[in-house]
Amino acid sequence: MAQNTSLRDLQTYVAKLEVERGFDGRSTESQCLKLCEEVGELAGAVGALTGQPQDVRRRRSADVGDEAADVLLMLLAVVNRSGVDLEDALRRKEARNNTRQWR
């Protein structure tokens, strides 16, 4: 993956990666459930990093960066299957958010 990669480039990268790894046949629902699993692992890593009580029997990574990267990869896998250009969606959503009043 090149430096200064756009979100659109990342989506293309993930699509190719899924083909290479044999994940391209998985359903949107399957990948969305995997995304939820990865978000849970990210939450666990944040908890471990911030000293939250942990189940010592579970192997849990405290590497927030690794877990966040997994979340991003799975998010892109889901939006790819849904035909969403995430960069465009982000820009549209932020344009709407910029018209809102925040406390």
N, C-alpha and C. Protein backbone atom coordinates (compact mmCIF):
# COMPACT_ATOMS: atom_id res chain seq x y z
N MET A 1 0.86 -1.17 0.00
CA MET A 1 0.00 0.00 0.00
C MET A 1 0.90 1.23 0.00
N ALA A 2 0.61 2.16 -0.87
CA ALA A 2 1.44 3.35 -1.04
C ALA A 2 1.12 4.42 0.01
N GLN A 3 2.11 5.28 0.25
CA GLN A 3 1.89 6.44 1.12
C GLN A 3 0.86 7.35 0.45
N ASN A 4 0.19 8.19 1.25
CA ASN A 4 -0.80 9.14 0.74
C ASN A 4 -1.92 8.46 -0.04
N THR A 5 -2.35 7.31 0.44
CA THR A 5 -3.41 6.56 -0.20
C THR A 5 -4.76 7.16 0.18
N SER A 6 -5.63 7.34 -0.79
CA SER A 6 -6.96 7.89 -0.52
C SER A 6 -7.87 6.79 0.02
N LEU A 7 -8.99 7.19 0.58
CA LEU A 7 -9.98 6.24 1.05
C LEU A 7 -10.47 5.37 -0.11
N ARG A 8 -10.65 5.97 -1.26
CA ARG A 8 -11.08 5.23 -2.46
C ARG A 8 -10.03 4.18 -2.84
N ASP A 9 -8.76 4.56 -2.74
CA ASP A 9 -7.67 3.61 -3.02
C ASP A 9 -7.71 2.45 -2.03
N LEU A 10 -8.00 2.77 -0.77
CA LEU A 10 -8.08 1.71 0.25
C LEU A 10 -9.22 0.74 -0.06
N GLN A 11 -10.33 1.26 -0.54
CA GLN A 11 -11.44 0.38 -0.91
C GLN A 11 -11.02 -0.57 -2.02
N THR A 12 -10.32 -0.05 -3.01
CA THR A 12 -9.84 -0.89 -4.11
C THR A 12 -8.85 -1.92 -3.58
N TYR A 13 -7.96 -1.49 -2.70
CA TYR A 13 -6.98 -2.39 -2.09
C TYR A 13 -7.67 -3.54 -1.36
N VAL A 14 -8.69 -3.24 -0.57
CA VAL A 14 -9.40 -4.26 0.19
C VAL A 14 -10.13 -5.21 -0.75
N ALA A 15 -10.71 -4.70 -1.82
CA ALA A 15 -11.39 -5.57 -2.78
C ALA A 15 -10.40 -6.58 -3.38
N LYS A 16 -9.22 -6.10 -3.75
CA LYS A 16 -8.19 -7.00 -4.31
C LYS A 16 -7.69 -7.98 -3.25
N LEU A 17 -7.50 -7.49 -2.04
CA LEU A 17 -7.03 -8.31 -0.94
C LEU A 17 -8.00 -9.46 -0.67
N GLU A 18 -9.28 -9.16 -0.70
CA GLU A 18 -10.28 -10.19 -0.44
C GLU A 18 -10.26 -11.28 -1.51
N VAL A 19 -10.04 -10.89 -2.75
CA VAL A 19 -9.93 -11.88 -3.82
C VAL A 19 -8.70 -12.75 -3.58
N GLU A 20 -7.56 -12.11 -3.29
CA GLU A 20 -6.32 -12.85 -3.06
C GLU A 20 -6.43 -13.82 -1.90
N ARG A 21 -7.16 -13.45 -0.86
CA ARG A 21 -7.26 -14.28 0.35
C ARG A 21 -8.48 -15.20 0.34
N GLY A 22 -9.28 -15.12 -0.74
CA GLY A 22 -10.43 -16.00 -0.87
C GLY A 22 -11.65 -15.59 -0.07
N PHE A 23 -11.72 -14.32 0.34
CA PHE A 23 -12.86 -13.83 1.12
C PHE A 23 -13.94 -13.18 0.27
N ASP A 24 -13.71 -13.05 -1.02
CA ASP A 24 -14.64 -12.31 -1.88
C ASP A 24 -16.00 -13.00 -2.02
N GLY A 25 -16.10 -14.27 -1.70
CA GLY A 25 -17.38 -14.96 -1.79
C GLY A 25 -18.24 -14.83 -0.55
N ARG A 26 -17.72 -14.20 0.47
CA ARG A 26 -18.49 -14.03 1.71
C ARG A 26 -19.59 -12.99 1.53
N SER A 27 -20.69 -13.20 2.21
CA SER A 27 -21.84 -12.29 2.08
C SER A 27 -21.59 -10.99 2.84
N THR A 28 -22.41 -10.01 2.51
CA THR A 28 -22.37 -8.73 3.24
C THR A 28 -22.66 -8.97 4.72
N GLU A 29 -23.65 -9.81 5.00
CA GLU A 29 -24.02 -10.09 6.38
C GLU A 29 -22.86 -10.72 7.14
N SER A 30 -22.18 -11.67 6.50
CA SER A 30 -21.05 -12.34 7.12
C SER A 30 -19.93 -11.36 7.45
N GLN A 31 -19.63 -10.49 6.52
CA GLN A 31 -18.57 -9.51 6.74
C GLN A 31 -18.99 -8.46 7.76
N CYS A 32 -20.26 -8.13 7.81
CA CYS A 32 -20.75 -7.17 8.79
C CYS A 32 -20.63 -7.76 10.20
N LEU A 33 -20.95 -9.04 10.34
CA LEU A 33 -20.78 -9.69 11.64
C LEU A 33 -19.31 -9.73 12.03
N LYS A 34 -18.43 -9.97 11.06
CA LYS A 34 -16.99 -9.95 11.34
C LYS A 34 -16.55 -8.55 11.75
N LEU A 35 -17.12 -7.53 11.13
CA LEU A 35 -16.83 -6.14 11.52
C LEU A 35 -17.20 -5.93 12.99
N CYS A 36 -18.37 -6.41 13.39
CA CYS A 36 -18.79 -6.26 14.80
C CYS A 36 -17.82 -6.97 15.73
N GLU A 37 -17.34 -8.14 15.33
CA GLU A 37 -16.36 -8.87 16.12
C GLU A 37 -15.08 -8.05 16.27
N GLU A 38 -14.64 -7.45 15.17
CA GLU A 38 -13.42 -6.65 15.20
C GLU A 38 -13.59 -5.39 16.07
N VAL A 39 -14.77 -4.79 16.04
CA VAL A 39 -15.03 -3.63 16.90
C VAL A 39 -14.95 -4.06 18.37
N GLY A 40 -15.45 -5.25 18.68
CA GLY A 40 -15.34 -5.77 20.04
C GLY A 40 -13.88 -5.96 20.45
N GLU A 41 -13.07 -6.45 19.53
CA GLU A 41 -11.65 -6.62 19.83
C GLU A 41 -10.97 -5.27 20.03
N LEU A 42 -11.38 -4.27 19.26
CA LEU A 42 -10.84 -2.92 19.46
C LEU A 42 -11.23 -2.40 20.85
N ALA A 43 -12.48 -2.60 21.22
CA ALA A 43 -12.93 -2.17 22.55
C ALA A 43 -12.13 -2.88 23.64
N GLY A 44 -11.86 -4.16 23.45
CA GLY A 44 -11.06 -4.90 24.41
C GLY A 44 -9.64 -4.37 24.51
N ALA A 45 -9.06 -4.01 23.37
CA ALA A 45 -7.71 -3.45 23.37
C ALA A 45 -7.67 -2.11 24.08
N VAL A 46 -8.69 -1.28 23.85
CA VAL A 46 -8.76 0.01 24.55
C VAL A 46 -8.92 -0.23 26.05
N GLY A 47 -9.75 -1.20 26.40
CA GLY A 47 -9.93 -1.53 27.82
C GLY A 47 -8.64 -1.99 28.46
N ALA A 48 -7.91 -2.86 27.76
CA ALA A 48 -6.63 -3.34 28.30
C ALA A 48 -5.64 -2.19 28.43
N LEU A 49 -5.62 -1.32 27.46
CA LEU A 49 -4.69 -0.20 27.45
C LEU A 49 -4.99 0.78 28.59
N THR A 50 -6.26 0.92 28.92
CA THR A 50 -6.66 1.90 29.94
C THR A 50 -6.86 1.28 31.31
N GLY A 51 -6.47 0.01 31.46
CA GLY A 51 -6.50 -0.63 32.77
C GLY A 51 -7.84 -1.17 33.21
N GLN A 52 -8.75 -1.39 32.28
CA GLN A 52 -10.04 -1.97 32.64
C GLN A 52 -9.83 -3.44 33.02
N PRO A 53 -10.63 -3.96 33.95
CA PRO A 53 -10.49 -5.37 34.33
C PRO A 53 -10.65 -6.27 33.10
N GLN A 54 -9.79 -7.28 33.00
CA GLN A 54 -9.78 -8.19 31.86
C GLN A 54 -9.91 -9.63 32.34
N ASP A 55 -10.56 -10.45 31.55
CA ASP A 55 -10.62 -11.88 31.80
C ASP A 55 -9.25 -12.45 31.45
N VAL A 56 -8.53 -12.92 32.45
CA VAL A 56 -7.16 -13.37 32.22
C VAL A 56 -7.10 -14.65 31.39
N ARG A 57 -8.21 -15.33 31.25
CA ARG A 57 -8.24 -16.56 30.44
C ARG A 57 -8.33 -16.26 28.96
N ARG A 58 -8.73 -15.05 28.61
CA ARG A 58 -8.85 -14.66 27.19
C ARG A 58 -7.57 -14.00 26.73
N ARG A 59 -7.10 -14.44 25.59
CA ARG A 59 -5.97 -13.77 24.97
C ARG A 59 -6.52 -12.53 24.28
N ARG A 60 -6.04 -11.39 24.68
CA ARG A 60 -6.55 -10.15 24.11
C ARG A 60 -5.38 -9.24 23.81
N SER A 61 -5.40 -8.70 22.61
CA SER A 61 -4.35 -7.78 22.21
C SER A 61 -4.62 -6.41 22.82
N ALA A 62 -3.57 -5.75 23.26
CA ALA A 62 -3.70 -4.38 23.74
C ALA A 62 -3.21 -3.42 22.67
N ASP A 63 -3.08 -3.92 21.45
CA ASP A 63 -2.59 -3.09 20.36
C ASP A 63 -3.77 -2.42 19.65
N VAL A 64 -4.09 -1.22 20.08
CA VAL A 64 -5.23 -0.48 19.53
C VAL A 64 -5.05 -0.26 18.04
N GLY A 65 -3.83 0.03 17.61
CA GLY A 65 -3.58 0.25 16.18
C GLY A 65 -3.90 -0.96 15.34
N ASP A 66 -3.45 -2.15 15.76
CA ASP A 66 -3.75 -3.37 15.01
C ASP A 66 -5.26 -3.61 14.93
N GLU A 67 -5.92 -3.45 16.06
CA GLU A 67 -7.36 -3.71 16.08
C GLU A 67 -8.12 -2.66 15.26
N ALA A 68 -7.69 -1.41 15.32
CA ALA A 68 -8.34 -0.36 14.51
C ALA A 68 -8.15 -0.64 13.02
N ALA A 69 -6.97 -1.13 12.65
CA ALA A 69 -6.72 -1.48 11.24
C ALA A 69 -7.66 -2.60 10.80
N ASP A 70 -7.86 -3.60 11.67
CA ASP A 70 -8.80 -4.68 11.35
C ASP A 70 -10.21 -4.14 11.16
N VAL A 71 -10.62 -3.21 12.02
CA VAL A 71 -11.95 -2.59 11.90
C VAL A 71 -12.08 -1.89 10.55
N LEU A 72 -11.06 -1.12 10.18
CA LEU A 72 -11.10 -0.39 8.90
C LEU A 72 -11.19 -1.36 7.74
N LEU A 73 -10.39 -2.42 7.75
CA LEU A 73 -10.43 -3.40 6.66
C LEU A 73 -11.81 -4.02 6.53
N MET A 74 -12.42 -4.40 7.67
CA MET A 74 -13.74 -5.02 7.61
C MET A 74 -14.82 -4.02 7.22
N LEU A 75 -14.70 -2.77 7.67
CA LEU A 75 -15.65 -1.74 7.26
C LEU A 75 -15.61 -1.57 5.74
N LEU A 76 -14.41 -1.51 5.19
CA LEU A 76 -14.28 -1.35 3.75
C LEU A 76 -14.81 -2.57 3.00
N ALA A 77 -14.65 -3.76 3.58
CA ALA A 77 -15.21 -4.96 2.96
C ALA A 77 -16.74 -4.88 2.90
N VAL A 78 -17.33 -4.37 3.96
CA VAL A 78 -18.80 -4.25 4.01
C VAL A 78 -19.28 -3.20 3.00
N VAL A 79 -18.66 -2.02 3.00
CA VAL A 79 -19.13 -0.98 2.08
C VAL A 79 -18.87 -1.36 0.63
N ASN A 80 -17.80 -2.09 0.37
CA ASN A 80 -17.56 -2.57 -1.00
C ASN A 80 -18.72 -3.44 -1.47
N ARG A 81 -19.17 -4.34 -0.61
CA ARG A 81 -20.26 -5.23 -0.97
C ARG A 81 -21.58 -4.48 -1.13
N SER A 82 -21.67 -3.33 -0.51
CA SER A 82 -22.90 -2.53 -0.56
C SER A 82 -22.88 -1.49 -1.68
N GLY A 83 -21.78 -1.43 -2.42
CA GLY A 83 -21.69 -0.48 -3.53
C GLY A 83 -21.53 0.97 -3.08
N VAL A 84 -20.98 1.17 -1.90
CA VAL A 84 -20.82 2.52 -1.34
C VAL A 84 -19.42 3.02 -1.60
N ASP A 85 -19.31 4.24 -2.10
CA ASP A 85 -18.03 4.93 -2.19
C ASP A 85 -17.90 5.68 -0.87
N LEU A 86 -17.09 5.14 0.04
CA LEU A 86 -17.03 5.67 1.40
C LEU A 86 -16.49 7.10 1.43
N GLU A 87 -15.58 7.41 0.55
CA GLU A 87 -15.06 8.79 0.51
C GLU A 87 -16.17 9.78 0.17
N ASP A 88 -16.98 9.46 -0.83
CA ASP A 88 -18.12 10.32 -1.17
C ASP A 88 -19.12 10.38 -0.03
N ALA A 89 -19.40 9.22 0.57
CA ALA A 89 -20.37 9.18 1.67
C ALA A 89 -19.88 10.02 2.85
N LEU A 90 -18.60 9.94 3.15
CA LEU A 90 -18.03 10.73 4.24
C LEU A 90 -18.14 12.22 3.95
N ARG A 91 -17.84 12.63 2.75
CA ARG A 91 -17.93 14.05 2.39
C ARG A 91 -19.38 14.55 2.47
N ARG A 92 -20.33 13.76 1.97
CA ARG A 92 -21.75 14.15 2.04
C ARG A 92 -22.21 14.26 3.49
N LYS A 93 -21.84 13.27 4.29
CA LYS A 93 -22.27 13.27 5.69
C LYS A 93 -21.66 14.44 6.45
N GLU A 94 -20.39 14.72 6.21
CA GLU A 94 -19.75 15.84 6.90
C GLU A 94 -20.33 17.18 6.44
N ALA A 95 -20.74 17.28 5.19
CA ALA A 95 -21.39 18.51 4.72
C ALA A 95 -22.69 18.72 5.49
N ARG A 96 -23.45 17.65 5.72
CA ARG A 96 -24.68 17.76 6.52
C ARG A 96 -24.34 18.06 7.98
N ASN A 97 -23.33 17.39 8.51
CA ASN A 97 -22.95 17.62 9.90
C ASN A 97 -22.50 19.06 10.14
N ASN A 98 -21.88 19.65 9.16
CA ASN A 98 -21.39 21.04 9.29
C ASN A 98 -22.52 22.05 9.35
N THR A 99 -23.73 21.64 8.97
CA THR A 99 -24.87 22.56 9.07
C THR A 99 -25.60 22.41 10.40
N ARG A 100 -25.22 21.42 11.19
CA ARG A 100 -25.85 21.18 12.49
C ARG A 100 -25.19 22.02 13.58
N GLN A 101 -25.93 22.25 14.63
CA GLN A 101 -25.36 22.94 15.78
C GLN A 101 -24.96 21.89 16.80
N TRP A 102 -23.73 22.00 17.28
CA TRP A 102 -23.21 21.05 18.24
C TRP A 102 -23.01 21.74 19.58
N ARG A 103 -23.22 21.05 20.63
CA ARG A 103 -23.05 21.62 21.97
C ARG A 103 -21.61 21.56 22.39
